[in-house]
Amino acid sequence: MMERTGDDKHARDAGEDLVLDDQHLVVIERLGYGVGKLSLNNPPLNLVTLELTQQLMESLDELERDDSVRVVVVTGAGDKAFCVGSDIKEFPAVRDRVVEKKLAKENEAFDRLEFLSKPVIAAIEGMAYGGGCEISMACDLRIMADGAKIGLPEIKLGVVPGSGGLFRLPRLVGPARAMELMYLGKFLNAHEAERIGLVNEVVPAGEAVSRAVDLGQEIARSPKAGLAAIKQAVRESRVLSHDAALQLTLQLSEQLFKTTDCEEGIEAFFQKREPKFEGAPDKEAP
């Protein structure tokens, strides 16, 4: 894992090759205005290796602890791929105990991404196949470049999406559409992915990262506790009964109404001004 800092526009370019050396497979950049950028740094395809998985977990733990980062943008180094999934060259060494050696760790890493307390935005340029698609689905929002493609082709290797695809894809697009995509190992272009609800927005090629960062900076100005509450409630309500989901809503609401950010929001409303929430960055200069 490697850290870079800076808030200049050039740090956002998806086409920038971040390779520093063979050991830095995940790179963290603090872009300022509350946004951190996490890059999968194994170009040209940003393959998910056992070592990258370990570094991803460590990087997410670091971002969770960093109060200066309120929103995380996830992308891949270079402009060819967000991530095309597993390094198949590692398969012979893990096939005898694939869950223990590979899948359990990947699922732990992708779960950490999904349950990070901060909003996470995937910025997809190029290919997002297999594990790359699974990583993007563990994010809260997905921005996809025109010309990029996304899909789960595992069936063509005689396996299934074992790191979250089997349950995250149906949650996003519905069970029938998800089974069709996984049965056929079908790849979607950006506009097809947007149409079925797999991605939130399509932008011109080369602009996925800059759009994700702009969106992240806007989100970062919102109350930190409120953002965490929205994420927790949306994630947990999928597996809760109606009554349990209602109780969680009431519990979170009671906590938020007692915060200084709520007090500031109410005061700003009556004073007809923009609220300034605790720790939130100022608007970026044009």
Protein backbone atom coordinates (compact mmCIF):
# COMPACT_ATOMS: atom_id res chain seq x y z
CA MET A 1 0.00 0.00 0.00
CA MET A 2 1.28 3.46 -0.87
CA GLU A 3 -0.03 6.88 0.04
CA ARG A 4 0.04 10.03 -2.06
CA THR A 5 -1.41 13.38 -1.14
CA GLY A 6 -2.58 16.40 -3.08
CA ASP A 7 -5.73 18.21 -4.09
CA ASP A 8 -4.87 19.29 -7.63
CA LYS A 9 -7.01 18.36 -10.61
CA HIS A 10 -4.23 16.29 -12.17
CA ALA A 11 -4.42 13.77 -9.31
CA ARG A 12 -7.87 12.81 -10.53
CA ASP A 13 -6.95 11.61 -14.01
CA ALA A 14 -8.06 8.03 -14.58
CA GLY A 15 -5.44 7.67 -17.28
CA GLU A 16 -2.56 8.32 -14.91
CA ASP A 17 -0.48 5.19 -14.37
CA LEU A 18 0.12 4.93 -10.63
CA VAL A 19 2.67 2.12 -10.64
CA LEU A 20 5.34 2.91 -8.07
CA ASP A 21 6.80 -0.55 -7.67
CA ASP A 22 5.62 -4.13 -7.68
CA GLN A 23 4.66 -4.07 -4.00
CA HIS A 24 2.28 -1.11 -3.95
CA LEU A 25 -0.84 -2.80 -5.31
CA VAL A 26 -3.20 -0.34 -3.61
CA VAL A 27 -2.56 3.40 -3.58
CA ILE A 28 -4.33 5.95 -1.38
CA GLU A 29 -4.45 9.59 -2.43
CA ARG A 30 -5.97 12.31 -0.28
CA LEU A 31 -7.41 14.76 -2.77
CA GLY A 32 -8.66 17.33 -0.30
CA TYR A 33 -12.20 18.61 0.29
CA GLY A 34 -13.02 15.42 2.20
CA VAL A 35 -12.30 12.93 -0.61
CA GLY A 36 -9.84 10.06 -0.63
CA LYS A 37 -9.03 8.09 -3.76
CA LEU A 38 -8.19 4.39 -3.56
CA SER A 39 -6.61 2.94 -6.69
CA LEU A 40 -6.16 -0.71 -7.54
CA ASN A 41 -2.60 -0.47 -8.78
CA ASN A 42 -1.87 -3.59 -10.82
CA PRO A 43 -2.09 -2.36 -14.41
CA PRO A 44 -2.83 -2.87 -17.17
CA LEU A 45 -5.72 -5.08 -15.97
CA ASN A 46 -5.56 -4.43 -12.20
CA LEU A 47 -5.89 -8.14 -11.47
CA VAL A 48 -7.03 -9.19 -8.00
CA THR A 49 -4.17 -11.16 -6.48
CA LEU A 50 -3.90 -12.56 -2.96
CA GLU A 51 -1.49 -9.75 -2.07
CA LEU A 52 -3.74 -7.05 -3.54
CA THR A 53 -6.62 -8.41 -1.46
CA GLN A 54 -4.56 -8.10 1.71
CA GLN A 55 -3.44 -4.58 0.86
CA LEU A 56 -7.04 -3.61 0.07
CA MET A 57 -8.14 -4.64 3.57
CA GLU A 58 -5.31 -2.66 5.15
CA SER A 59 -6.09 0.40 3.01
CA LEU A 60 -9.77 0.33 3.92
CA ASP A 61 -8.92 0.11 7.61
CA GLU A 62 -6.69 3.16 7.20
CA LEU A 63 -9.40 5.13 5.40
CA GLU A 64 -11.96 4.18 8.05
CA ARG A 65 -9.74 5.71 10.74
CA ASP A 66 -8.94 8.89 8.79
CA ASP A 67 -11.36 11.64 9.82
CA SER A 68 -10.12 13.90 7.02
CA VAL A 69 -11.58 11.47 4.46
CA ARG A 70 -15.38 11.62 4.42
CA VAL A 71 -15.98 9.99 1.01
CA VAL A 72 -13.89 7.37 -0.84
CA VAL A 73 -13.54 7.04 -4.62
CA VAL A 74 -12.39 3.62 -5.85
CA THR A 75 -10.80 3.24 -9.27
CA GLY A 76 -8.17 1.32 -11.21
CA ALA A 77 -4.76 2.50 -12.36
CA GLY A 78 -4.41 3.28 -16.06
CA ASP A 79 -7.21 3.65 -18.58
CA LYS A 80 -7.61 0.06 -19.80
CA ALA A 81 -9.42 -1.48 -16.85
CA PHE A 82 -11.08 -0.74 -13.55
CA CYS A 83 -10.31 -4.37 -12.71
CA VAL A 84 -10.87 -7.58 -14.66
CA GLY A 85 -11.02 -9.84 -11.62
CA SER A 86 -8.81 -12.64 -10.37
CA ASP A 87 -5.34 -13.46 -11.57
CA ILE A 88 -6.06 -16.89 -13.04
CA LYS A 89 -2.38 -17.78 -12.76
CA GLU A 90 -2.98 -18.13 -9.01
CA PHE A 91 -5.79 -20.69 -9.46
CA PRO A 92 -3.64 -23.86 -9.51
CA ALA A 93 -2.16 -22.95 -6.12
CA VAL A 94 -5.54 -22.34 -4.45
CA ARG A 95 -7.89 -24.88 -6.07
CA ASP A 96 -7.39 -27.48 -3.33
CA ARG A 97 -8.66 -25.06 -0.63
CA VAL A 98 -10.06 -22.19 -2.64
CA VAL A 99 -12.36 -20.87 0.09
CA GLU A 100 -9.67 -20.83 2.75
CA LYS A 101 -6.88 -19.53 0.52
CA LYS A 102 -8.76 -17.06 -1.66
CA LEU A 103 -12.52 -16.56 -1.51
CA ALA A 104 -12.90 -16.04 2.24
CA LYS A 105 -10.28 -13.29 2.14
CA GLU A 106 -11.79 -11.62 -0.91
CA ASN A 107 -15.23 -11.64 0.65
CA GLU A 108 -13.81 -10.15 3.84
CA ALA A 109 -12.13 -7.39 1.83
CA PHE A 110 -15.20 -6.62 -0.27
CA ASP A 111 -17.40 -6.64 2.84
CA ARG A 112 -15.09 -4.08 4.44
CA LEU A 113 -15.63 -1.94 1.37
CA GLU A 114 -19.41 -2.34 1.51
CA PHE A 115 -19.65 -1.68 5.24
CA LEU A 116 -17.18 1.19 5.43
CA SER A 117 -18.95 3.86 7.45
CA LYS A 118 -18.26 6.42 4.71
CA PRO A 119 -19.87 6.73 1.26
CA VAL A 120 -17.90 4.91 -1.44
CA ILE A 121 -18.09 5.70 -5.16
CA ALA A 122 -16.71 3.44 -7.89
CA ALA A 123 -15.24 5.25 -10.90
CA ILE A 124 -15.21 2.74 -13.76
CA GLU A 125 -13.05 3.24 -16.84
CA GLY A 126 -12.44 0.39 -19.27
CA MET A 127 -13.26 -3.15 -18.16
CA ALA A 128 -14.93 -4.17 -14.89
CA TYR A 129 -15.13 -7.94 -15.15
CA GLY A 130 -15.55 -10.67 -12.56
CA GLY A 131 -14.00 -9.56 -9.29
CA GLY A 132 -13.81 -6.02 -10.66
CA CYS A 133 -17.57 -5.99 -11.12
CA GLU A 134 -17.92 -7.44 -7.61
CA ILE A 135 -15.75 -4.69 -6.15
CA SER A 136 -17.83 -2.03 -7.88
CA MET A 137 -21.05 -3.57 -6.56
CA ALA A 138 -19.70 -3.38 -3.00
CA CYS A 139 -19.49 0.41 -3.49
CA ASP A 140 -22.49 2.63 -2.79
CA LEU A 141 -22.55 4.44 -6.14
CA ARG A 142 -21.07 3.64 -9.54
CA ILE A 143 -19.97 6.16 -12.18
CA MET A 144 -19.14 4.49 -15.50
CA ALA A 145 -17.38 5.90 -18.53
CA ASP A 146 -18.92 5.64 -21.97
CA GLY A 147 -17.11 2.82 -23.78
CA ALA A 148 -16.49 0.85 -20.57
CA LYS A 149 -17.91 -2.64 -20.06
CA ILE A 150 -19.02 -4.58 -16.99
CA GLY A 151 -20.03 -8.16 -16.31
CA LEU A 152 -19.56 -11.46 -14.51
CA PRO A 153 -18.09 -14.06 -16.91
CA GLU A 154 -17.21 -16.71 -14.29
CA ILE A 155 -19.54 -19.31 -15.80
CA LYS A 156 -17.16 -19.53 -18.77
CA LEU A 157 -14.47 -20.84 -16.39
CA GLY A 158 -16.86 -23.36 -14.88
CA VAL A 159 -17.28 -21.41 -11.63
CA VAL A 160 -19.58 -18.72 -10.20
CA PRO A 161 -19.00 -15.19 -8.89
CA GLY A 162 -17.76 -16.25 -5.47
CA SER A 163 -16.90 -12.87 -3.95
CA GLY A 164 -20.30 -11.25 -3.67
CA GLY A 165 -21.65 -11.26 -7.21
CA LEU A 166 -24.20 -13.99 -6.53
CA PHE A 167 -26.01 -11.88 -3.94
CA ARG A 168 -25.08 -8.28 -4.76
CA LEU A 169 -26.09 -8.33 -8.43
CA PRO A 170 -29.71 -9.46 -7.79
CA ARG A 171 -30.07 -6.78 -5.13
CA LEU A 172 -29.16 -4.14 -7.70
CA VAL A 173 -30.91 -5.36 -10.86
CA GLY A 174 -33.40 -8.01 -9.68
CA PRO A 175 -33.07 -11.81 -9.68
CA ALA A 176 -34.22 -12.53 -13.24
CA ARG A 177 -31.88 -10.00 -14.85
CA ALA A 178 -29.01 -11.09 -12.58
CA MET A 179 -29.43 -14.75 -13.49
CA GLU A 180 -29.53 -13.89 -17.19
CA LEU A 181 -26.26 -11.96 -16.95
CA MET A 182 -24.54 -14.68 -14.92
CA TYR A 183 -25.95 -17.63 -16.94
CA LEU A 184 -24.58 -16.09 -20.14
CA GLY A 185 -21.46 -14.47 -18.70
CA LYS A 186 -22.68 -11.39 -20.54
CA PHE A 187 -20.88 -8.04 -20.66
CA LEU A 188 -22.87 -4.81 -20.64
CA ASN A 189 -21.86 -1.45 -22.04
CA ALA A 190 -22.23 1.62 -19.84
CA HIS A 191 -25.64 2.66 -21.14
CA GLU A 192 -27.09 -0.84 -20.76
CA ALA A 193 -25.72 -0.99 -17.22
CA GLU A 194 -27.32 2.35 -16.41
CA ARG A 195 -30.64 1.29 -17.93
CA ILE A 196 -30.96 -1.76 -15.67
CA GLY A 197 -29.80 0.10 -12.56
CA LEU A 198 -26.34 -1.43 -12.22
CA VAL A 199 -24.65 1.97 -12.46
CA ASN A 200 -25.86 5.41 -11.44
CA GLU A 201 -24.45 7.60 -14.17
CA VAL A 202 -22.60 7.43 -17.50
CA VAL A 203 -20.00 10.06 -18.34
CA PRO A 204 -17.68 10.60 -21.32
CA ALA A 205 -14.63 8.36 -21.52
CA GLY A 206 -11.83 9.56 -19.29
CA GLU A 207 -14.13 11.50 -16.97
CA ALA A 208 -15.33 8.82 -14.53
CA VAL A 209 -12.82 9.69 -11.82
CA SER A 210 -13.25 13.46 -12.06
CA ARG A 211 -17.04 13.09 -11.92
CA ALA A 212 -16.81 10.70 -8.96
CA VAL A 213 -14.50 13.11 -7.12
CA ASP A 214 -16.82 16.06 -7.80
CA LEU A 215 -19.77 14.03 -6.51
CA GLY A 216 -17.72 12.91 -3.52
CA GLN A 217 -16.84 16.49 -2.64
CA GLU A 218 -20.51 17.44 -2.75
CA ILE A 219 -21.46 14.52 -0.52
CA ALA A 220 -18.58 15.27 1.87
CA ARG A 221 -20.21 18.58 2.83
CA SER A 222 -23.13 16.69 4.40
CA PRO A 223 -23.19 15.68 8.08
CA LYS A 224 -20.86 12.74 8.73
CA ALA A 225 -23.20 10.99 11.16
CA GLY A 226 -26.15 11.44 8.82
CA LEU A 227 -24.29 9.89 5.91
CA ALA A 228 -23.24 6.94 8.07
CA ALA A 229 -26.84 6.49 9.25
CA ILE A 230 -28.20 6.46 5.70
CA LYS A 231 -25.63 3.88 4.65
CA GLN A 232 -26.25 1.68 7.70
CA ALA A 233 -30.03 1.77 7.36
CA VAL A 234 -30.08 1.07 3.62
CA ARG A 235 -27.62 -1.82 3.95
CA GLU A 236 -29.18 -3.43 7.02
CA SER A 237 -32.82 -2.99 6.01
CA ARG A 238 -32.36 -5.53 3.20
CA VAL A 239 -32.18 -8.34 5.75
CA LEU A 240 -34.46 -6.91 8.45
CA SER A 241 -38.17 -7.38 8.92
CA HIS A 242 -40.38 -4.33 8.49
CA ASP A 243 -40.66 -3.86 12.24
CA ALA A 244 -36.91 -4.21 12.77
CA ALA A 245 -36.19 -1.76 9.96
CA LEU A 246 -38.63 0.70 11.52
CA GLN A 247 -36.97 0.37 14.91
CA LEU A 248 -33.56 0.98 13.34
CA THR A 249 -34.93 4.09 11.62
CA LEU A 250 -36.27 5.45 14.90
CA GLN A 251 -33.05 4.64 16.76
CA LEU A 252 -30.88 6.40 14.19
CA SER A 253 -33.25 9.37 14.01
CA GLU A 254 -33.17 9.83 17.78
CA GLN A 255 -29.36 9.83 17.74
CA LEU A 256 -29.15 12.33 14.90
CA PHE A 257 -31.64 14.79 16.41
CA LYS A 258 -29.26 15.15 19.38
CA THR A 259 -26.20 16.04 17.29
CA THR A 260 -24.65 19.48 16.90
CA ASP A 261 -25.01 19.04 13.13
CA CYS A 262 -28.77 18.83 13.51
CA GLU A 263 -28.70 21.97 15.62
CA GLU A 264 -26.62 23.71 12.94
CA GLY A 265 -28.92 22.54 10.16
CA ILE A 266 -32.01 23.91 11.88
CA GLU A 267 -30.31 27.19 12.71
CA ALA A 268 -29.07 27.61 9.13
CA PHE A 269 -32.57 26.91 7.81
CA PHE A 270 -34.10 29.72 9.82
CA GLN A 271 -31.22 32.05 9.00
CA LYS A 272 -31.58 31.24 5.30
CA ARG A 273 -27.91 30.30 4.86
CA GLU A 274 -25.91 27.25 3.91
CA PRO A 275 -25.20 25.03 6.94
CA LYS A 276 -21.58 24.41 7.98
CA PHE A 277 -21.49 20.93 9.44
CA GLU A 278 -18.78 19.79 11.81
CA GLY A 279 -15.59 18.85 10.00
CA ALA A 280 -17.14 19.35 6.56
CA PRO A 281 -14.92 20.93 3.90
CA ASP A 282 -15.75 24.26 2.32
CA LYS A 283 -16.93 24.29 -1.24
CA GLU A 284 -14.15 23.78 -3.77
CA ALA A 285 -13.05 26.94 -5.47
CA PRO A 286 -14.13 27.02 -9.16
